[in-house]
PDB file of N, CA and C in Angstrom:
ATOM      1  N   MET A   1      26.593 -19.082 -50.412  1.00  0.00           N
ATOM      2  CA  MET A   1      27.443 -18.783 -49.287  1.00  0.00           C
ATOM      3  C   MET A   1      28.545 -17.832 -49.761  1.00  0.00           C
ATOM      4  N   ARG A   2      28.756 -16.777 -49.052  1.00  0.00           N
ATOM      5  CA  ARG A   2      29.763 -15.800 -49.464  1.00  0.00           C
ATOM      6  C   ARG A   2      31.102 -16.162 -48.857  1.00  0.00           C
ATOM      7  N   THR A   3      32.103 -16.258 -49.692  1.00  0.00           N
ATOM      8  CA  THR A   3      33.437 -16.593 -49.206  1.00  0.00           C
ATOM      9  C   THR A   3      34.370 -15.396 -49.233  1.00  0.00           C
ATOM     10  N   ASP A   4      33.903 -14.272 -49.756  1.00  0.00           N
ATOM     11  CA  ASP A   4      34.781 -13.120 -49.880  1.00  0.00           C
ATOM     12  C   ASP A   4      34.782 -12.243 -48.633  1.00  0.00           C
ATOM     13  N   ILE A   5      33.984 -12.572 -47.643  1.00  0.00           N
ATOM     14  CA  ILE A   5      33.947 -11.777 -46.417  1.00  0.00           C
ATOM     15  C   ILE A   5      35.048 -12.268 -45.490  1.00  0.00           C
ATOM     16  N   ALA A   6      35.855 -11.349 -45.010  1.00  0.00           N
ATOM     17  CA  ALA A   6      36.921 -11.713 -44.068  1.00  0.00           C
ATOM     18  C   ALA A   6      36.280 -12.041 -42.727  1.00  0.00           C
ATOM     19  N   ARG A   7      36.511 -13.247 -42.262  1.00  0.00           N
ATOM     20  CA  ARG A   7      35.922 -13.683 -41.011  1.00  0.00           C
ATOM     21  C   ARG A   7      36.828 -13.332 -39.852  1.00  0.00           C
ATOM     22  N   SER A   8      36.215 -13.028 -38.747  1.00  0.00           N
ATOM     23  CA  SER A   8      36.955 -12.697 -37.540  1.00  0.00           C
ATOM     24  C   SER A   8      37.504 -13.972 -36.910  1.00  0.00           C
ATOM     25  N   PRO A   9      38.733 -13.967 -36.430  1.00  0.00           N
ATOM     26  CA  PRO A   9      39.275 -15.160 -35.764  1.00  0.00           C
ATOM     27  C   PRO A   9      38.706 -15.352 -34.367  1.00  0.00           C
ATOM     28  N   LEU A  10      38.000 -14.359 -33.851  1.00  0.00           N
ATOM     29  CA  LEU A  10      37.465 -14.458 -32.497  1.00  0.00           C
ATOM     30  C   LEU A  10      36.290 -15.433 -32.413  1.00  0.00           C
ATOM     31  N   GLY A  11      35.508 -15.542 -33.453  1.00  0.00           N
ATOM     32  CA  GLY A  11      34.343 -16.429 -33.457  1.00  0.00           C
ATOM     33  C   GLY A  11      34.690 -17.886 -33.201  1.00  0.00           C
ATOM     34  N   PRO A  12      35.608 -18.471 -33.974  1.00  0.00           N
ATOM     35  CA  PRO A  12      35.978 -19.867 -33.711  1.00  0.00           C
ATOM     36  C   PRO A  12      36.611 -20.065 -32.332  1.00  0.00           C
ATOM     37  N   LEU A  13      37.365 -19.087 -31.863  1.00  0.00           N
ATOM     38  CA  LEU A  13      37.996 -19.234 -30.545  1.00  0.00           C
ATOM     39  C   LEU A  13      36.962 -19.268 -29.427  1.00  0.00           C
ATOM     40  N   VAL A  14      35.947 -18.420 -29.525  1.00  0.00           N
ATOM     41  CA  VAL A  14      34.884 -18.416 -28.518  1.00  0.00           C
ATOM     42  C   VAL A  14      34.101 -19.724 -28.580  1.00  0.00           C
ATOM     43  N   PHE A  15      33.829 -20.204 -29.785  1.00  0.00           N
ATOM     44  CA  PHE A  15      33.120 -21.472 -29.930  1.00  0.00           C
ATOM     45  C   PHE A  15      33.920 -22.622 -29.344  1.00  0.00           C
ATOM     46  N   ILE A  16      35.211 -22.660 -29.596  1.00  0.00           N
ATOM     47  CA  ILE A  16      36.068 -23.719 -29.081  1.00  0.00           C
ATOM     48  C   ILE A  16      36.115 -23.682 -27.558  1.00  0.00           C
ATOM     49  N   ALA A  17      36.230 -22.500 -26.986  1.00  0.00           N
ATOM     50  CA  ALA A  17      36.256 -22.375 -25.524  1.00  0.00           C
ATOM     51  C   ALA A  17      34.943 -22.844 -24.915  1.00  0.00           C
ATOM     52  N   ALA A  18      33.829 -22.448 -25.512  1.00  0.00           N
ATOM     53  CA  ALA A  18      32.521 -22.849 -24.989  1.00  0.00           C
ATOM     54  C   ALA A  18      32.310 -24.358 -25.128  1.00  0.00           C
ATOM     55  N   ALA A  19      32.732 -24.917 -26.241  1.00  0.00           N
ATOM     56  CA  ALA A  19      32.561 -26.354 -26.451  1.00  0.00           C
ATOM     57  C   ALA A  19      33.420 -27.167 -25.487  1.00  0.00           C
ATOM     58  N   SER A  20      34.629 -26.724 -25.223  1.00  0.00           N
ATOM     59  CA  SER A  20      35.481 -27.472 -24.295  1.00  0.00           C
ATOM     60  C   SER A  20      34.955 -27.379 -22.868  1.00  0.00           C
ATOM     61  N   ALA A  21      34.466 -26.211 -22.460  1.00  0.00           N
ATOM     62  CA  ALA A  21      33.885 -26.084 -21.121  1.00  0.00           C
ATOM     63  C   ALA A  21      32.618 -26.926 -21.013  1.00  0.00           C
ATOM     64  N   ALA A  22      31.803 -26.936 -22.060  1.00  0.00           N
ATOM     65  CA  ALA A  22      30.577 -27.735 -22.045  1.00  0.00           C
ATOM     66  C   ALA A  22      30.893 -29.230 -21.982  1.00  0.00           C
ATOM     67  N   SER A  23      31.947 -29.662 -22.648  1.00  0.00           N
ATOM     68  CA  SER A  23      32.290 -31.083 -22.606  1.00  0.00           C
ATOM     69  C   SER A  23      32.748 -31.505 -21.214  1.00  0.00           C
ATOM     70  N   VAL A  24      33.501 -30.651 -20.534  1.00  0.00           N
ATOM     71  CA  VAL A  24      33.933 -30.971 -19.172  1.00  0.00           C
ATOM     72  C   VAL A  24      32.744 -31.015 -18.222  1.00  0.00           C
ATOM     73  N   LEU A  25      31.847 -30.043 -18.347  1.00  0.00           N
ATOM     74  CA  LEU A  25      30.673 -30.017 -17.479  1.00  0.00           C
ATOM     75  C   LEU A  25      29.717 -31.173 -17.782  1.00  0.00           C
ATOM     76  N   THR A  26      29.599 -31.559 -19.048  1.00  0.00           N
ATOM     77  CA  THR A  26      28.767 -32.706 -19.406  1.00  0.00           C
ATOM     78  C   THR A  26      29.353 -33.992 -18.840  1.00  0.00           C
ATOM     79  N   HIS A  27      30.659 -34.123 -18.908  1.00  0.00           N
ATOM     80  CA  HIS A  27      31.325 -35.290 -18.326  1.00  0.00           C
ATOM     81  C   HIS A  27      31.076 -35.356 -16.823  1.00  0.00           C
ATOM     82  N   ALA A  28      31.184 -34.221 -16.152  1.00  0.00           N
ATOM     83  CA  ALA A  28      30.938 -34.189 -14.710  1.00  0.00           C
ATOM     84  C   ALA A  28      29.480 -34.516 -14.392  1.00  0.00           C
ATOM     85  N   LEU A  29      28.561 -33.996 -15.192  1.00  0.00           N
ATOM     86  CA  LEU A  29      27.143 -34.245 -14.965  1.00  0.00           C
ATOM     87  C   LEU A  29      26.812 -35.718 -15.151  1.00  0.00           C
ATOM     88  N   LEU A  30      27.267 -36.292 -16.254  1.00  0.00           N
ATOM     89  CA  LEU A  30      26.993 -37.706 -16.502  1.00  0.00           C
ATOM     90  C   LEU A  30      27.699 -38.598 -15.489  1.00  0.00           C
ATOM     91  N   GLY A  31      28.927 -38.244 -15.132  1.00  0.00           N
ATOM     92  CA  GLY A  31      29.636 -39.025 -14.119  1.00  0.00           C
ATOM     93  C   GLY A  31      28.948 -38.959 -12.773  1.00  0.00           C
ATOM     94  N   GLY A  32      28.433 -37.791 -12.437  1.00  0.00           N
ATOM     95  CA  GLY A  32      27.707 -37.665 -11.177  1.00  0.00           C
ATOM     96  C   GLY A  32      26.406 -38.440 -11.181  1.00  0.00           C
ATOM     97  N   LEU A  33      25.691 -38.427 -12.304  1.00  0.00           N
ATOM     98  CA  LEU A  33      24.433 -39.165 -12.396  1.00  0.00           C
ATOM     99  C   LEU A  33      24.642 -40.671 -12.383  1.00  0.00           C
ATOM    100  N   LEU A  34      25.747 -41.119 -12.956  1.00  0.00           N
ATOM    101  CA  LEU A  34      26.014 -42.552 -13.029  1.00  0.00           C
ATOM    102  C   LEU A  34      26.826 -43.069 -11.842  1.00  0.00           C
ATOM    103  N   GLY A  35      27.183 -42.178 -10.929  1.00  0.00           N
ATOM    104  CA  GLY A  35      27.880 -42.604  -9.717  1.00  0.00           C
ATOM    105  C   GLY A  35      29.371 -42.819  -9.882  1.00  0.00           C
ATOM    106  N   ASP A  36      30.012 -42.076 -10.779  1.00  0.00           N
ATOM    107  CA  ASP A  36      31.455 -42.181 -10.964  1.00  0.00           C
ATOM    108  C   ASP A  36      32.157 -41.591  -9.738  1.00  0.00           C
ATOM    109  N   PRO A  37      32.987 -42.377  -9.040  1.00  0.00           N
ATOM    110  CA  PRO A  37      33.628 -41.863  -7.831  1.00  0.00           C
ATOM    111  C   PRO A  37      34.742 -40.848  -8.107  1.00  0.00           C
ATOM    112  N   THR A  38      35.182 -40.744  -9.343  1.00  0.00           N
ATOM    113  CA  THR A  38      36.263 -39.802  -9.650  1.00  0.00           C
ATOM    114  C   THR A  38      35.759 -38.396  -9.930  1.00  0.00           C
ATOM    115  N   VAL A  39      34.448 -38.226 -10.054  1.00  0.00           N
ATOM    116  CA  VAL A  39      33.877 -36.912 -10.352  1.00  0.00           C
ATOM    117  C   VAL A  39      33.749 -36.112  -9.063  1.00  0.00           C
ATOM    118  N   SER A  40      34.268 -34.904  -9.086  1.00  0.00           N
ATOM    119  CA  SER A  40      34.154 -34.015  -7.941  1.00  0.00           C
ATOM    120  C   SER A  40      33.429 -32.746  -8.392  1.00  0.00           C
ATOM    121  N   TRP A  41      32.271 -32.488  -7.780  1.00  0.00           N
ATOM    122  CA  TRP A  41      31.497 -31.307  -8.157  1.00  0.00           C
ATOM    123  C   TRP A  41      32.218 -30.024  -7.789  1.00  0.00           C
ATOM    124  N   ALA A  42      33.067 -30.073  -6.786  1.00  0.00           N
ATOM    125  CA  ALA A  42      33.790 -28.864  -6.372  1.00  0.00           C
ATOM    126  C   ALA A  42      34.852 -28.472  -7.400  1.00  0.00           C
ATOM    127  N   ARG A  43      35.408 -29.459  -8.081  1.00  0.00           N
ATOM    128  CA  ARG A  43      36.467 -29.168  -9.053  1.00  0.00           C
ATOM    129  C   ARG A  43      35.951 -28.972 -10.476  1.00  0.00           C
ATOM    130  N   ALA A  44      34.719 -29.320 -10.761  1.00  0.00           N
ATOM    131  CA  ALA A  44      34.185 -29.263 -12.124  1.00  0.00           C
ATOM    132  C   ALA A  44      34.195 -27.854 -12.720  1.00  0.00           C
ATOM    133  N   PRO A  45      33.747 -26.803 -12.009  1.00  0.00           N
ATOM    134  CA  PRO A  45      33.778 -25.466 -12.629  1.00  0.00           C
ATOM    135  C   PRO A  45      35.197 -24.983 -12.936  1.00  0.00           C
ATOM    136  N   MET A  46      36.124 -25.244 -12.036  1.00  0.00           N
ATOM    137  CA  MET A  46      37.507 -24.810 -12.278  1.00  0.00           C
ATOM    138  C   MET A  46      38.135 -25.614 -13.428  1.00  0.00           C
ATOM    139  N   ALA A  47      37.800 -26.895 -13.505  1.00  0.00           N
ATOM    140  CA  ALA A  47      38.299 -27.709 -14.617  1.00  0.00           C
ATOM    141  C   ALA A  47      37.725 -27.229 -15.946  1.00  0.00           C
ATOM    142  N   ALA A  48      36.466 -26.784 -15.954  1.00  0.00           N
ATOM    143  CA  ALA A  48      35.852 -26.277 -17.181  1.00  0.00           C
ATOM    144  C   ALA A  48      36.518 -24.976 -17.619  1.00  0.00           C
ATOM    145  N   ILE A  49      36.822 -24.111 -16.662  1.00  0.00           N
ATOM    146  CA  ILE A  49      37.489 -22.845 -16.988  1.00  0.00           C
ATOM    147  C   ILE A  49      38.905 -23.105 -17.499  1.00  0.00           C
ATOM    148  N   ALA A  50      39.621 -24.005 -16.846  1.00  0.00           N
ATOM    149  CA  ALA A  50      40.987 -24.327 -17.283  1.00  0.00           C
ATOM    150  C   ALA A  50      40.985 -24.964 -18.672  1.00  0.00           C
ATOM    151  N   SER A  51      40.026 -25.856 -18.911  1.00  0.00           N
ATOM    152  CA  SER A  51      39.928 -26.491 -20.225  1.00  0.00           C
ATOM    153  C   SER A  51      39.624 -25.471 -21.312  1.00  0.00           C
ATOM    154  N   ALA A  52      38.706 -24.558 -21.029  1.00  0.00           N
ATOM    155  CA  ALA A  52      38.362 -23.516 -22.006  1.00  0.00           C
ATOM    156  C   ALA A  52      39.568 -22.636 -22.305  1.00  0.00           C
ATOM    157  N   PHE A  53      40.316 -22.282 -21.261  1.00  0.00           N
ATOM    158  CA  PHE A  53      41.492 -21.429 -21.458  1.00  0.00           C
ATOM    159  C   PHE A  53      42.558 -22.120 -22.295  1.00  0.00           C
ATOM    160  N   TYR A  54      42.879 -23.361 -21.954  1.00  0.00           N
ATOM    161  CA  TYR A  54      43.933 -24.063 -22.685  1.00  0.00           C
ATOM    162  C   TYR A  54      43.514 -24.398 -24.117  1.00  0.00           C
ATOM    163  N   CYS A  55      42.267 -24.747 -24.319  1.00  0.00           N
ATOM    164  CA  CYS A  55      41.799 -25.013 -25.685  1.00  0.00           C
ATOM    165  C   CYS A  55      41.811 -23.745 -26.525  1.00  0.00           C
ATOM    166  N   MET A  56      41.434 -22.620 -25.917  1.00  0.00           N
ATOM    167  CA  MET A  56      41.457 -21.355 -26.643  1.00  0.00           C
ATOM    168  C   MET A  56      42.895 -20.944 -26.961  1.00  0.00           C
ATOM    169  N   LEU A  57      43.804 -21.184 -26.037  1.00  0.00           N
ATOM    170  CA  LEU A  57      45.210 -20.872 -26.265  1.00  0.00           C
ATOM    171  C   LEU A  57      45.779 -21.714 -27.402  1.00  0.00           C
ATOM    172  N   LEU A  58      45.498 -23.000 -27.377  1.00  0.00           N
ATOM    173  CA  LEU A  58      45.993 -23.881 -28.433  1.00  0.00           C
ATOM    174  C   LEU A  58      45.322 -23.572 -29.773  1.00  0.00           C
ATOM    175  N   ALA A  59      44.036 -23.283 -29.737  1.00  0.00           N
ATOM    176  CA  ALA A  59      43.312 -22.978 -30.973  1.00  0.00           C
ATOM    177  C   ALA A  59      43.790 -21.682 -31.604  1.00  0.00           C
ATOM    178  N   SER A  60      44.260 -20.732 -30.783  1.00  0.00           N
ATOM    179  CA  SER A  60      44.765 -19.482 -31.357  1.00  0.00           C
ATOM    180  C   SER A  60      46.023 -19.712 -32.179  1.00  0.00           C
ATOM    181  N   LEU A  61      46.675 -20.833 -31.969  1.00  0.00           N
ATOM    182  CA  LEU A  61      47.828 -21.193 -32.792  1.00  0.00           C
ATOM    183  C   LEU A  61      47.437 -22.075 -33.972  1.00  0.00           C
ATOM    184  N   VAL A  62      46.463 -22.946 -33.759  1.00  0.00           N
ATOM    185  CA  VAL A  62      46.117 -23.934 -34.782  1.00  0.00           C
ATOM    186  C   VAL A  62      45.169 -23.365 -35.842  1.00  0.00           C
ATOM    187  N   VAL A  63      44.181 -22.587 -35.450  1.00  0.00           N
ATOM    188  CA  VAL A  63      43.180 -22.081 -36.400  1.00  0.00           C
ATOM    189  C   VAL A  63      43.811 -21.228 -37.504  1.00  0.00           C
ATOM    190  N   PRO A  64      44.703 -20.274 -37.193  1.00  0.00           N
ATOM    191  CA  PRO A  64      45.320 -19.532 -38.301  1.00  0.00           C
ATOM    192  C   PRO A  64      46.167 -20.412 -39.225  1.00  0.00           C
ATOM    193  N   LEU A  65      46.821 -21.410 -38.664  1.00  0.00           N
ATOM    194  CA  LEU A  65      47.613 -22.318 -39.489  1.00  0.00           C
ATOM    195  C   LEU A  65      46.719 -23.111 -40.437  1.00  0.00           C
ATOM    196  N   VAL A  66      45.598 -23.598 -39.946  1.00  0.00           N
ATOM    197  CA  VAL A  66      44.673 -24.354 -40.791  1.00  0.00           C
ATOM    198  C   VAL A  66      44.069 -23.458 -41.867  1.00  0.00           C
ATOM    199  N   ARG A  67      43.714 -22.228 -41.506  1.00  0.00           N
ATOM    200  CA  ARG A  67      43.180 -21.291 -42.515  1.00  0.00           C
ATOM    201  C   ARG A  67      44.217 -21.002 -43.591  1.00  0.00           C
ATOM    202  N   TRP A  68      45.463 -20.858 -43.191  1.00  0.00           N
ATOM    203  CA  TRP A  68      46.526 -20.591 -44.156  1.00  0.00           C
ATOM    204  C   TRP A  68      46.709 -21.786 -45.083  1.00  0.00           C
ATOM    205  N   LEU A  69      46.696 -23.003 -44.515  1.00  0.00           N
ATOM    206  CA  LEU A  69      46.830 -24.203 -45.340  1.00  0.00           C
ATOM    207  C   LEU A  69      45.640 -24.365 -46.288  1.00  0.00           C
ATOM    208  N   LEU A  70      44.450 -24.072 -45.803  1.00  0.00           N
ATOM    209  CA  LEU A  70      43.276 -24.198 -46.662  1.00  0.00           C
ATOM    210  C   LEU A  70      43.264 -23.185 -47.792  1.00  0.00           C
ATOM    211  N   SER A  71      43.898 -22.044 -47.580  1.00  0.00           N
ATOM    212  CA  SER A  71      43.956 -21.066 -48.666  1.00  0.00           C
ATOM    213  C   SER A  71      44.762 -21.591 -49.851  1.00  0.00           C
ATOM    214  N   PHE A  72      45.688 -22.496 -49.595  1.00  0.00           N
ATOM    215  CA  PHE A  72      46.456 -23.099 -50.684  1.00  0.00           C
ATOM    216  C   PHE A  72      45.790 -24.346 -51.242  1.00  0.00           C
ATOM    217  N   LEU A  73      45.087 -25.085 -50.403  1.00  0.00           N
ATOM    218  CA  LEU A  73      44.516 -26.350 -50.837  1.00  0.00           C
ATOM    219  C   LEU A  73      43.156 -26.209 -51.504  1.00  0.00           C
ATOM    220  N   MET A  74      42.390 -25.205 -51.110  1.00  0.00           N
ATOM    221  CA  MET A  74      41.056 -25.027 -51.676  1.00  0.00           C
ATOM    222  C   MET A  74      41.159 -24.217 -52.975  1.00  0.00           C
ATOM    223  N   PRO A  75      40.438 -24.630 -53.990  1.00  0.00           N
ATOM    224  CA  PRO A  75      40.474 -23.853 -55.235  1.00  0.00           C
ATOM    225  C   PRO A  75      39.752 -22.517 -55.055  1.00  0.00           C
ATOM    226  N   ALA A  76      40.181 -21.560 -55.823  1.00  0.00           N
ATOM    227  CA  ALA A  76      39.551 -20.240 -55.768  1.00  0.00           C
ATOM    228  C   ALA A  76      38.139 -20.317 -56.313  1.00  0.00           C
ATOM    229  N   PRO A  77      37.190 -19.622 -55.692  1.00  0.00           N
ATOM    230  CA  PRO A  77      35.819 -19.679 -56.206  1.00  0.00           C
ATOM    231  C   PRO A  77      35.740 -19.005 -57.579  1.00  0.00           C
ATOM    232  N   THR A  78      34.970 -19.604 -58.438  1.00  0.00           N
ATOM    233  CA  THR A  78      34.798 -19.040 -59.780  1.00  0.00           C
ATOM    234  C   THR A  78      33.448 -18.379 -59.873  1.00  0.00           C
ATOM    235  N   VAL A  79      33.382 -17.379 -60.687  1.00  0.00           N
ATOM    236  CA  VAL A  79      32.139 -16.654 -60.888  1.00  0.00           C
ATOM    237  C   VAL A  79      31.566 -17.074 -62.234  1.00  0.00           C
ATOM    238  N   PHE A  80      30.342 -17.541 -62.196  1.00  0.00           N
ATOM    239  CA  PHE A  80      29.672 -17.935 -63.425  1.00  0.00           C
ATOM    240  C   PHE A  80      28.764 -16.808 -63.854  1.00  0.00           C
ATOM    241  N   LEU A  81      28.897 -16.409 -65.092  1.00  0.00           N
ATOM    242  CA  LEU A  81      28.050 -15.362 -65.649  1.00  0.00           C
ATOM    243  C   LEU A  81      26.928 -15.997 -66.452  1.00  0.00           C
ATOM    244  N   ARG A  82      25.730 -15.596 -66.169  1.00  0.00           N
ATOM    245  CA  ARG A  82      24.577 -16.099 -66.925  1.00  0.00           C
ATOM    246  C   ARG A  82      24.196 -15.101 -67.993  1.00  0.00           C
ATOM    247  N   ARG A  83      23.822 -15.611 -69.116  1.00  0.00           N
ATOM    248  CA  ARG A  83      23.407 -14.739 -70.206  1.00  0.00           C
ATOM    249  C   ARG A  83      21.916 -14.705 -70.313  1.00  0.00           C
TER     250      ARG A  83
END
């Protein structure tokens, strides 16, 4: 695994947004199938969009902080030379 490639911060943000929207839609789907009276199909798409937006907003603050902390906590990769 190559660790020297600078990764784009956009990848994790898109994944987080998609995962949060999928979790809201999965909750609505399962609640609808099981007869949960609090589930509203009309509000589910808007709730998924709002969840994706807020999770992406929060993640844009948290992901760089975690990467910065990991740069200090993780040891530097060593290169082994074979003879």
